[in-house]
Amino acid sequence: MTHDHGPGGGERYQKTKQSINVRCRRGQTWVCSCRRCPARSTIPPRLTRPLPCRFPLMASSSRPKIWIIGSGRLHLRIPLMQRLTADGFDVAAVGPDKGEELDEAGFSYHRFPLRRALDPVGDWHAQDILEGLMRQHRPDLVHSVNTKPSILVPSAAARANIPACVRTITGMGALFSSSSPKALAMRWLYRRLQRRAAPACHTTVFQNPDDQEYFKDHGLVVESTDELVLSSGIDVEPYIASAGSPATRAALKDDLGLDEKPVITMVSRLIRPKGISEFLEAASLVRARNPQVTFLLVGPEVDEGPTAFPAERVHRCPDVRFLGRRSDVPTLLAISDLFVLPTYLREGVPRVLLEAGALGLPLVTTDVPGCREVVRHGENGVLVPERDGQALASTIFDLLADPARRKRMGQASRELVTERFHLDIVSAAYARIYRNALGIGESESRNITPMRHAA
C-alpha cells in the first residue's frame, strides 16, 4: 500500500522511546548506534563509531523492519527487496515517485517530496517529513540510497531515534563530472554535508573503490564503518529471459528494418555527462567509413537542468536513430552487436553496463570510476578516454572489423557480470550489513516465515 505522509506520530513515538532507552551502551569513544545515550553529546562526533543496538523491539518474535529510502526509480530494487524479505526482513520503500510497481509487488511504499535539483527549502521540508514518517512507523533500520537521501536520511533518523542507519553512496554525481566554478563550490558543500551525516551511520556502503577512497581521504566516513559492495546487483537469469525468444528478437529487427547490419547501441537519459555528444560524433565518423552500421540511442529526454542535452541535436543527427524511452530495452540489447557508454558521470556502477554484459555484449566505455569495475580492458571490452569521440569511433571501428574478438568479449562480459555483480551476492552482503547494524544473528531475522510477494 502506498501512503502520502507529513510529520506526525507523537504518542506512539514517546512510548517507544521510553521502552528502548534501557540498554544503550556508553563509553569514551564507543557509543550505541541507537543514538539515545546522553553521553553521546559529550563525545566529539568524529571520534564516535556506531555499535549495534540490542533493544526490546528486536525480540525474537519480530521481523526487523527495514526501510529503503531513495530519490527515485526504487522499482529497480524490487528484486533486492524480495530477496531481503526471503532472508527474514520486513522491507518497505520510501521515495518521491508514485510507486505503482512496488504496490504491485506487494511492498509498502511511503511517498515524500524530493527534487533532484538543489532546493534548500524543499530539502529541509523533505527531511522534516522523513523524520515524521520515522517517528510514526518506527522502522528498525533505514537504508538511504542516492545522493540527497544519503545526506537527509541520517540526520532525520538521528532526530527520530531510529536504532540503525545505513547509507549507500551510488556515485558522486554531476558535481564531480564538471570543473565549473559552481561545481567546485558545490563540492565543498557536499563534503561538509556528508561529513556531518557520517557519525549517524552505522555503515557507509560504496559501490566502487574510487568513491570509497575519496570519502576516506576527505574524512567523510567514520573510520572502520565503510564497506564495498560492487553495484546494486542484477538478477542475471530473469534479465536474460526478459530479452525474449529468438523469434521475438527477429521480429524487432524486422520492425526496425535492421536486417543483418551491425548495430551499435547506447542506452541513457539525454544528459551531457553521459557522453551523448561523443556518441553522436563517433557515429558520424564510423558511418563516414561504413554507412551500413546502425547506431541506436535509447532513453528518455530530459527537459530541465544544467546537464540536459538538447533533444533537437539528437533528432538532427542523420547518423543516429533516436528511439526515445522504450519498454523493450533487453530485447534491443539482445539484437545489438556492441554496447557503448561514453559517460563521464561519476556513477557508482552503471546498471546498463551490467544489463548489456549479462546479455553477452562486448562493452565500450570510458576509463572512469564505476565503469572500470565492469570492463576489464581487452578482456570483455575496451576502456577509452573520456570526452574523446575520435577514440571512441576508432575503437568501435576496430571491434566491428573483428567478429571473433567481439564474441570472446561478449562471453567474458556475461561471465564477469554473473561472477561479480549477481544480485545474490549483493543481497547477501546487505543482509549481513543489516544484521551487524542491528546486532542480531542470522537465525533471529529468519524466525518467521517470509511473506510472499508477487514477482
Protein backbone atom coordinates (compact mmCIF):
# COMPACT_ATOMS: atom_id res chain seq x y z
CA MET A 1 0.00 0.00 0.00
CA THR A 2 1.25 3.49 -0.86
CA HIS A 3 0.96 6.25 1.74
CA ASP A 4 1.47 10.00 1.42
CA HIS A 5 2.69 11.43 4.70
CA GLY A 6 3.62 14.53 6.61
CA PRO A 7 5.16 14.84 10.08
CA GLY A 8 3.36 13.08 12.91
CA GLY A 9 3.19 10.07 15.19
CA GLY A 10 3.84 11.70 18.55
CA GLU A 11 2.16 9.45 21.13
CA ARG A 12 3.47 6.15 19.77
CA TYR A 13 6.95 7.61 19.49
CA GLN A 14 7.00 8.70 23.13
CA LYS A 15 6.05 5.24 24.36
CA THR A 16 8.56 3.53 22.08
CA LYS A 17 11.33 5.91 23.11
CA GLN A 18 10.83 5.09 26.78
CA SER A 19 10.86 1.34 26.14
CA ILE A 20 14.04 1.43 24.04
CA ASN A 21 16.17 3.67 26.24
CA VAL A 22 17.02 0.78 28.54
CA ARG A 23 20.04 -0.96 27.07
CA CYS A 24 22.12 1.76 25.48
CA ARG A 25 25.84 1.25 25.69
CA ARG A 26 28.22 4.02 26.72
CA GLY A 27 31.93 4.58 26.52
CA GLN A 28 34.61 7.14 25.93
CA THR A 29 34.86 6.69 22.16
CA TRP A 30 32.27 3.98 21.51
CA VAL A 31 28.57 4.72 21.56
CA CYS A 32 25.45 2.83 20.66
CA SER A 33 24.14 3.24 17.12
CA CYS A 34 20.68 3.96 18.53
CA ARG A 35 21.99 7.49 19.38
CA ARG A 36 19.98 7.65 22.60
CA CYS A 37 22.86 7.69 25.07
CA PRO A 38 23.03 11.02 26.95
CA ALA A 39 26.80 10.56 26.94
CA ARG A 40 26.89 10.88 23.16
CA SER A 41 26.69 14.64 23.28
CA THR A 42 29.95 14.78 25.25
CA ILE A 43 31.92 12.81 22.64
CA PRO A 44 33.31 14.55 19.55
CA PRO A 45 31.34 13.27 16.52
CA ARG A 46 34.48 12.46 14.53
CA LEU A 47 35.55 10.05 17.31
CA THR A 48 32.33 8.11 17.57
CA ARG A 49 31.80 4.77 15.92
CA PRO A 50 28.26 3.33 15.85
CA LEU A 51 27.75 -0.02 17.54
CA PRO A 52 24.90 -2.48 17.15
CA CYS A 53 21.97 -1.85 19.45
CA ARG A 54 20.04 -4.68 21.14
CA PHE A 55 16.74 -3.42 22.45
CA PRO A 56 13.26 -4.77 23.30
CA LEU A 57 11.71 -4.14 19.86
CA MET A 58 14.15 -6.64 18.34
CA ALA A 59 12.69 -9.51 20.33
CA SER A 60 12.90 -12.98 18.79
CA SER A 61 9.27 -12.83 17.69
CA SER A 62 9.65 -9.82 15.40
CA ARG A 63 10.94 -9.33 11.89
CA PRO A 64 13.45 -6.47 11.55
CA LYS A 65 11.67 -3.60 9.85
CA ILE A 66 13.84 -2.15 7.06
CA TRP A 67 13.16 0.99 5.03
CA ILE A 68 14.98 1.61 1.75
CA ILE A 69 14.83 5.33 1.01
CA GLY A 70 15.81 6.77 -2.38
CA SER A 71 15.31 9.72 -4.68
CA GLY A 72 13.57 7.75 -7.44
CA ARG A 73 13.41 4.57 -9.55
CA LEU A 74 13.05 2.39 -6.46
CA HIS A 75 11.19 -0.18 -8.56
CA LEU A 76 14.61 -1.30 -9.79
CA ARG A 77 15.29 -2.51 -6.23
CA ILE A 78 12.26 -4.80 -6.08
CA PRO A 79 14.33 -7.98 -6.76
CA LEU A 80 16.70 -6.98 -3.93
CA MET A 81 13.76 -6.27 -1.62
CA GLN A 82 12.26 -9.68 -2.44
CA ARG A 83 15.50 -11.43 -1.53
CA LEU A 84 15.82 -9.48 1.71
CA THR A 85 12.23 -10.41 2.56
CA ALA A 86 13.07 -14.08 1.97
CA ASP A 87 16.06 -13.52 4.28
CA GLY A 88 13.73 -12.62 7.16
CA PHE A 89 13.40 -8.83 6.92
CA ASP A 90 10.21 -6.79 6.70
CA VAL A 91 11.13 -4.44 3.85
CA ALA A 92 9.37 -1.26 2.71
CA ALA A 93 10.38 1.62 0.43
CA VAL A 94 10.22 5.40 0.70
CA GLY A 95 10.62 7.77 -2.24
CA PRO A 96 9.15 10.63 -4.29
CA ASP A 97 7.72 8.52 -7.15
CA LYS A 98 4.19 7.14 -7.33
CA GLY A 99 5.37 3.62 -6.56
CA GLU A 100 2.84 1.59 -8.58
CA GLU A 101 5.37 -1.16 -9.31
CA LEU A 102 6.16 -1.52 -5.60
CA ASP A 103 2.45 -1.74 -4.82
CA GLU A 104 2.03 -4.45 -7.44
CA ALA A 105 4.96 -6.38 -5.96
CA GLY A 106 3.26 -6.28 -2.55
CA PHE A 107 5.59 -3.86 -0.75
CA SER A 108 4.54 -0.99 1.49
CA TYR A 109 5.57 2.34 -0.02
CA HIS A 110 5.59 5.82 1.52
CA ARG A 111 5.93 8.97 -0.58
CA PHE A 112 7.71 12.15 0.38
CA PRO A 113 8.52 15.23 -1.73
CA LEU A 114 12.06 15.44 -3.12
CA ARG A 115 13.50 17.23 -6.16
CA ARG A 116 16.67 16.12 -7.92
CA ALA A 117 17.88 19.74 -8.25
CA LEU A 118 19.35 21.79 -5.42
CA ASP A 119 16.48 23.09 -3.31
CA PRO A 120 17.49 24.06 0.26
CA VAL A 121 13.98 24.91 1.44
CA GLY A 122 12.42 21.87 -0.22
CA ASP A 123 15.20 19.61 1.07
CA TRP A 124 14.71 20.87 4.65
CA HIS A 125 10.99 20.21 4.29
CA ALA A 126 11.67 16.71 2.91
CA GLN A 127 13.93 15.92 5.86
CA ASP A 128 11.25 17.10 8.27
CA ILE A 129 8.67 14.83 6.60
CA LEU A 130 11.08 11.90 6.71
CA GLU A 131 11.56 12.43 10.42
CA GLY A 132 7.79 12.46 10.92
CA LEU A 133 7.41 9.24 8.94
CA MET A 134 10.09 7.55 11.02
CA ARG A 135 8.53 8.67 14.30
CA GLN A 136 5.15 7.38 13.16
CA HIS A 137 6.15 3.98 11.74
CA ARG A 138 9.29 3.17 13.78
CA PRO A 139 11.48 1.22 11.33
CA ASP A 140 14.34 -0.66 12.98
CA LEU A 141 16.82 0.34 10.26
CA VAL A 142 16.74 2.92 7.48
CA HIS A 143 18.89 2.49 4.39
CA SER A 144 19.44 5.51 2.16
CA VAL A 145 20.47 5.31 -1.48
CA ASN A 146 21.27 8.13 -3.96
CA THR A 147 22.96 11.44 -3.19
CA LYS A 148 20.31 13.52 -1.44
CA PRO A 149 18.94 10.72 0.74
CA SER A 150 22.49 9.86 1.88
CA ILE A 151 22.60 13.35 3.41
CA LEU A 152 19.00 13.83 4.57
CA VAL A 153 18.18 10.38 5.94
CA PRO A 154 20.95 10.02 8.57
CA SER A 155 20.02 13.35 10.18
CA ALA A 156 16.30 12.53 10.13
CA ALA A 157 17.00 9.09 11.60
CA ALA A 158 19.12 10.55 14.40
CA ARG A 159 16.43 13.07 15.33
CA ALA A 160 13.73 10.36 15.24
CA ASN A 161 15.84 7.99 17.37
CA ILE A 162 15.88 5.21 14.78
CA PRO A 163 18.10 2.35 16.01
CA ALA A 164 20.31 1.97 12.92
CA CYS A 165 21.11 3.78 9.68
CA VAL A 166 22.96 2.54 6.61
CA ARG A 167 23.76 4.69 3.57
CA THR A 168 24.92 3.65 0.11
CA ILE A 169 26.96 6.08 -1.97
CA THR A 170 25.74 5.34 -5.50
CA GLY A 171 28.34 7.55 -7.17
CA MET A 172 29.46 11.15 -6.81
CA GLY A 173 27.15 12.62 -9.42
CA ALA A 174 27.42 15.57 -11.78
CA LEU A 175 29.30 17.70 -9.22
CA PHE A 176 32.39 15.57 -9.79
CA SER A 177 31.93 15.41 -13.54
CA SER A 178 32.38 19.14 -14.08
CA SER A 179 35.17 21.59 -13.26
CA SER A 180 32.98 24.70 -13.46
CA PRO A 181 33.28 27.25 -10.62
CA LYS A 182 29.76 26.36 -9.45
CA ALA A 183 30.55 22.65 -9.34
CA LEU A 184 33.78 23.26 -7.43
CA ALA A 185 31.94 25.39 -4.89
CA MET A 186 29.21 22.79 -4.52
CA ARG A 187 31.79 20.09 -3.85
CA TRP A 188 32.79 21.95 -0.68
CA LEU A 189 29.16 21.93 0.45
CA TYR A 190 28.79 18.26 -0.49
CA ARG A 191 31.81 17.31 1.61
CA ARG A 192 30.57 19.35 4.55
CA LEU A 193 27.13 17.73 4.49
CA GLN A 194 28.47 14.20 4.05
CA ARG A 195 30.93 14.74 6.90
CA ARG A 196 28.08 15.82 9.17
CA ALA A 197 25.97 12.79 8.18
CA ALA A 198 28.73 10.22 8.74
CA PRO A 199 28.55 9.77 12.56
CA ALA A 200 24.82 8.94 12.36
CA CYS A 201 25.51 5.95 10.07
CA HIS A 202 26.42 2.52 11.31
CA THR A 203 27.76 1.62 7.85
CA THR A 204 28.56 3.56 4.69
CA VAL A 205 28.49 1.34 1.61
CA PHE A 206 30.39 2.22 -1.56
CA GLN A 207 29.85 0.74 -5.00
CA ASN A 208 33.35 1.31 -6.31
CA PRO A 209 36.76 1.73 -4.64
CA ASP A 210 37.39 5.21 -6.09
CA ASP A 211 34.46 6.72 -4.20
CA GLN A 212 35.45 4.81 -1.07
CA GLU A 213 38.99 6.20 -1.24
CA TYR A 214 37.71 9.77 -1.78
CA PHE A 215 35.47 9.63 1.27
CA LYS A 216 38.23 8.20 3.46
CA ASP A 217 40.82 10.72 2.23
CA HIS A 218 38.48 13.65 2.99
CA GLY A 219 37.19 12.39 6.33
CA LEU A 220 33.64 11.86 5.07
CA VAL A 221 33.22 8.47 6.71
CA VAL A 222 33.88 7.34 10.28
CA GLU A 223 36.87 5.01 10.50
CA SER A 224 36.09 1.29 10.09
CA THR A 225 32.44 1.85 9.18
CA ASP A 226 32.87 1.60 5.39
CA GLU A 227 32.06 -1.39 3.18
CA LEU A 228 32.50 -2.07 -0.53
CA VAL A 229 29.55 -3.74 -2.30
CA LEU A 230 30.09 -3.62 -6.05
CA SER A 231 26.97 -2.18 -7.72
CA SER A 232 23.28 -2.61 -6.84
CA GLY A 233 23.40 -6.03 -8.49
CA ILE A 234 21.47 -7.58 -11.35
CA ASP A 235 19.21 -10.63 -11.36
CA VAL A 236 21.01 -12.20 -14.29
CA GLU A 237 18.78 -15.12 -15.29
CA PRO A 238 15.42 -13.24 -15.26
CA TYR A 239 17.03 -10.35 -17.13
CA ILE A 240 18.27 -12.66 -19.88
CA ALA A 241 14.81 -14.22 -20.09
CA SER A 242 13.22 -10.77 -20.41
CA ALA A 243 15.07 -10.27 -23.71
CA GLY A 244 12.61 -12.66 -25.33
CA SER A 245 12.87 -15.62 -27.66
CA PRO A 246 14.87 -15.67 -30.91
CA ALA A 247 11.58 -15.13 -32.74
CA THR A 248 10.83 -12.03 -30.65
CA ARG A 249 14.27 -10.64 -31.36
CA ALA A 250 13.99 -11.32 -35.08
CA ALA A 251 10.60 -9.60 -35.18
CA LEU A 252 12.07 -6.49 -33.53
CA LYS A 253 14.94 -6.40 -36.04
CA ASP A 254 12.42 -6.58 -38.88
CA ASP A 255 10.29 -3.90 -37.29
CA LEU A 256 13.29 -1.57 -37.07
CA GLY A 257 14.49 -2.52 -40.56
CA LEU A 258 17.90 -3.61 -39.32
CA ASP A 259 18.35 -6.75 -41.43
CA GLU A 260 21.90 -8.03 -40.89
CA LYS A 261 23.50 -4.63 -40.43
CA PRO A 262 25.88 -4.15 -37.48
CA VAL A 263 24.05 -2.46 -34.58
CA ILE A 264 25.76 -0.22 -32.03
CA THR A 265 23.54 0.69 -29.07
CA MET A 266 23.69 3.24 -26.27
CA VAL A 267 21.06 3.41 -23.50
CA SER A 268 20.96 6.61 -21.48
CA ARG A 269 18.95 9.61 -20.42
CA LEU A 270 19.72 12.63 -22.57
CA ILE A 271 22.17 14.37 -20.26
CA ARG A 272 25.57 15.72 -21.21
CA PRO A 273 27.73 13.79 -18.70
CA LYS A 274 26.55 10.50 -20.19
CA GLY A 275 28.58 11.32 -23.30
CA ILE A 276 25.73 11.93 -25.76
CA SER A 277 27.81 14.40 -27.78
CA GLU A 278 30.69 11.93 -28.07
CA PHE A 279 28.30 9.19 -29.19
CA LEU A 280 26.93 11.41 -31.97
CA GLU A 281 30.45 12.34 -33.07
CA ALA A 282 31.60 8.70 -33.11
CA ALA A 283 28.52 7.64 -35.08
CA SER A 284 29.25 10.23 -37.76
CA LEU A 285 32.91 9.20 -38.01
CA VAL A 286 32.16 5.46 -38.21
CA ARG A 287 29.35 5.81 -40.73
CA ALA A 288 31.52 8.01 -42.93
CA ARG A 289 33.68 4.89 -43.44
CA ASN A 290 30.93 2.26 -43.21
CA PRO A 291 27.41 3.57 -43.83
CA GLN A 292 25.92 0.09 -43.21
CA VAL A 293 26.42 0.46 -39.44
CA THR A 294 23.33 1.43 -37.43
CA PHE A 295 23.63 3.48 -34.25
CA LEU A 296 20.71 3.34 -31.81
CA LEU A 297 20.24 5.77 -28.92
CA VAL A 298 17.64 4.63 -26.39
CA GLY A 299 16.42 6.63 -23.42
CA PRO A 300 14.15 9.45 -22.25
CA GLU A 301 14.60 13.11 -22.98
CA VAL A 302 15.42 15.44 -20.08
CA ASP A 303 13.60 18.75 -20.18
CA GLU A 304 15.30 20.73 -17.44
CA GLY A 305 18.54 21.16 -15.54
CA PRO A 306 22.02 22.35 -16.48
CA THR A 307 23.07 18.88 -17.65
CA ALA A 308 20.15 18.31 -20.03
CA PHE A 309 21.25 17.55 -23.60
CA PRO A 310 19.13 19.23 -26.31
CA ALA A 311 16.90 16.59 -27.90
CA GLU A 312 16.79 18.55 -31.17
CA ARG A 313 20.53 17.93 -31.64
CA VAL A 314 19.91 14.21 -31.50
CA HIS A 315 16.95 14.43 -33.86
CA ARG A 316 19.05 16.44 -36.33
CA CYS A 317 21.89 13.88 -36.39
CA PRO A 318 21.41 11.73 -39.52
CA ASP A 319 23.76 9.02 -38.28
CA VAL A 320 21.87 8.07 -35.09
CA ARG A 321 18.39 6.62 -34.73
CA PHE A 322 16.87 8.02 -31.56
CA LEU A 323 14.26 5.61 -30.19
CA GLY A 324 13.44 7.53 -27.02
CA ARG A 325 12.06 5.77 -23.95
CA ARG A 326 11.40 2.07 -24.60
CA SER A 327 9.95 -0.78 -22.59
CA ASP A 328 11.83 -3.43 -24.60
CA VAL A 329 15.40 -2.42 -23.73
CA PRO A 330 16.53 -6.02 -23.00
CA THR A 331 15.41 -7.11 -26.48
CA LEU A 332 17.09 -4.09 -28.09
CA LEU A 333 20.33 -5.00 -26.34
CA ALA A 334 19.97 -8.63 -27.41
CA ILE A 335 19.83 -7.67 -31.11
CA SER A 336 22.88 -5.40 -30.80
CA ASP A 337 26.44 -6.25 -31.75
CA LEU A 338 28.18 -3.80 -29.45
CA PHE A 339 27.21 -1.68 -26.45
CA VAL A 340 28.66 1.79 -25.96
CA LEU A 341 28.55 4.10 -22.92
CA PRO A 342 30.94 7.09 -23.27
CA THR A 343 29.95 8.50 -19.86
CA TYR A 344 31.99 10.80 -17.67
CA LEU A 345 29.33 10.97 -14.97
CA ARG A 346 30.56 9.78 -11.56
CA GLU A 347 28.21 6.84 -11.03
CA GLY A 348 28.59 4.00 -8.56
CA VAL A 349 28.42 1.28 -11.21
CA PRO A 350 26.25 1.99 -14.28
CA ARG A 351 23.44 -0.55 -14.24
CA VAL A 352 23.13 -0.51 -18.03
CA LEU A 353 26.67 -1.93 -18.33
CA LEU A 354 25.57 -4.87 -16.19
CA GLU A 355 22.47 -5.36 -18.32
CA ALA A 356 24.42 -5.33 -21.58
CA GLY A 357 27.09 -7.58 -20.10
CA ALA A 358 24.51 -10.08 -18.83
CA LEU A 359 23.21 -10.38 -22.41
CA GLY A 360 26.69 -11.21 -23.67
CA LEU A 361 27.65 -7.95 -25.36
CA PRO A 362 31.19 -6.60 -25.71
CA LEU A 363 31.36 -3.27 -23.87
CA VAL A 364 32.98 0.01 -24.86
CA THR A 365 33.00 2.60 -22.11
CA THR A 366 35.20 5.24 -20.53
CA ASP A 367 38.05 4.76 -18.09
CA VAL A 368 36.23 6.40 -15.16
CA PRO A 369 35.20 5.19 -11.67
CA GLY A 370 32.39 2.68 -11.78
CA CYS A 371 32.85 1.78 -15.44
CA ARG A 372 36.31 0.31 -14.94
CA GLU A 373 34.84 -2.10 -12.36
CA VAL A 374 32.68 -3.70 -15.08
CA VAL A 375 35.07 -3.60 -18.04
CA ARG A 376 38.42 -5.33 -17.94
CA HIS A 377 40.28 -3.64 -20.75
CA GLY A 378 40.89 -6.03 -23.61
CA GLU A 379 39.02 -8.95 -21.99
CA ASN A 380 35.29 -8.17 -22.06
CA GLY A 381 35.50 -4.75 -23.66
CA VAL A 382 37.58 -1.64 -24.18
CA LEU A 383 38.10 1.42 -21.98
CA VAL A 384 38.51 4.68 -23.89
CA PRO A 385 39.44 8.18 -22.69
CA GLU A 386 36.51 10.29 -21.55
CA ARG A 387 35.20 13.12 -23.78
CA ASP A 388 37.03 11.74 -26.82
CA GLY A 389 34.67 10.99 -29.70
CA GLN A 390 37.51 10.14 -32.09
CA ALA A 391 38.98 7.50 -29.76
CA LEU A 392 35.50 6.05 -29.32
CA ALA A 393 34.98 5.89 -33.10
CA SER A 394 38.36 4.22 -33.64
CA THR A 395 37.59 1.55 -31.02
CA ILE A 396 34.15 0.84 -32.49
CA PHE A 397 35.58 0.51 -35.99
CA ASP A 398 38.30 -1.89 -34.81
CA LEU A 399 35.80 -4.13 -33.00
CA LEU A 400 33.40 -4.18 -35.95
CA ALA A 401 36.25 -5.50 -38.08
CA ASP A 402 36.86 -8.45 -35.71
CA PRO A 403 33.71 -10.55 -35.08
CA ALA A 404 35.66 -13.33 -33.32
CA ARG A 405 37.09 -10.85 -30.82
CA ARG A 406 33.62 -9.42 -30.18
CA LYS A 407 32.28 -12.91 -29.49
CA ARG A 408 35.05 -13.67 -26.98
CA MET A 409 34.48 -10.36 -25.24
CA GLY A 410 30.73 -10.92 -25.09
CA GLN A 411 31.17 -14.31 -23.42
CA ALA A 412 33.62 -12.78 -20.95
CA SER A 413 31.12 -10.00 -20.15
CA ARG A 414 28.41 -12.48 -19.19
CA GLU A 415 30.83 -14.48 -17.03
CA LEU A 416 32.16 -11.40 -15.26
CA VAL A 417 28.70 -9.96 -14.54
CA THR A 418 27.48 -13.31 -13.20
CA GLU A 419 30.54 -13.84 -11.01
CA ARG A 420 30.93 -10.30 -9.58
CA PHE A 421 27.61 -8.48 -9.82
CA HIS A 422 24.89 -11.10 -9.44
CA LEU A 423 22.05 -9.95 -7.20
CA ASP A 424 22.56 -12.97 -4.93
CA ILE A 425 25.97 -11.58 -3.97
CA VAL A 426 24.66 -8.08 -3.32
CA SER A 427 21.62 -9.19 -1.32
CA ALA A 428 23.74 -11.45 0.90
CA ALA A 429 26.10 -8.53 1.58
CA TYR A 430 23.26 -6.21 2.59
CA ALA A 431 21.61 -8.87 4.78
CA ARG A 432 24.90 -9.21 6.65
CA ILE A 433 25.29 -5.42 6.96
CA TYR A 434 21.74 -5.07 8.32
CA ARG A 435 22.27 -7.80 10.90
CA ASN A 436 25.54 -6.27 12.04
CA ALA A 437 23.93 -2.85 12.38
CA LEU A 438 21.05 -4.27 14.42
CA GLY A 439 23.23 -6.60 16.45
CA ILE A 440 21.29 -9.74 15.54
CA GLY A 441 22.26 -13.14 14.22
CA GLU A 442 21.04 -14.78 11.04
CA SER A 443 18.61 -17.03 12.92
CA GLU A 444 16.99 -14.05 14.65
CA SER A 445 15.97 -12.45 11.33
CA ARG A 446 14.75 -15.77 9.88
CA ASN A 447 12.47 -16.78 12.73
CA ILE A 448 9.20 -16.00 10.89
CA THR A 449 8.17 -17.47 7.56
CA PRO A 450 8.83 -14.72 4.97
CA MET A 451 5.85 -13.04 3.38
CA ARG A 452 5.33 -13.98 -0.28
CA HIS A 453 5.47 -11.17 -2.82
CA ALA A 454 4.30 -11.11 -6.38
CA ALA A 455 7.03 -11.41 -8.95
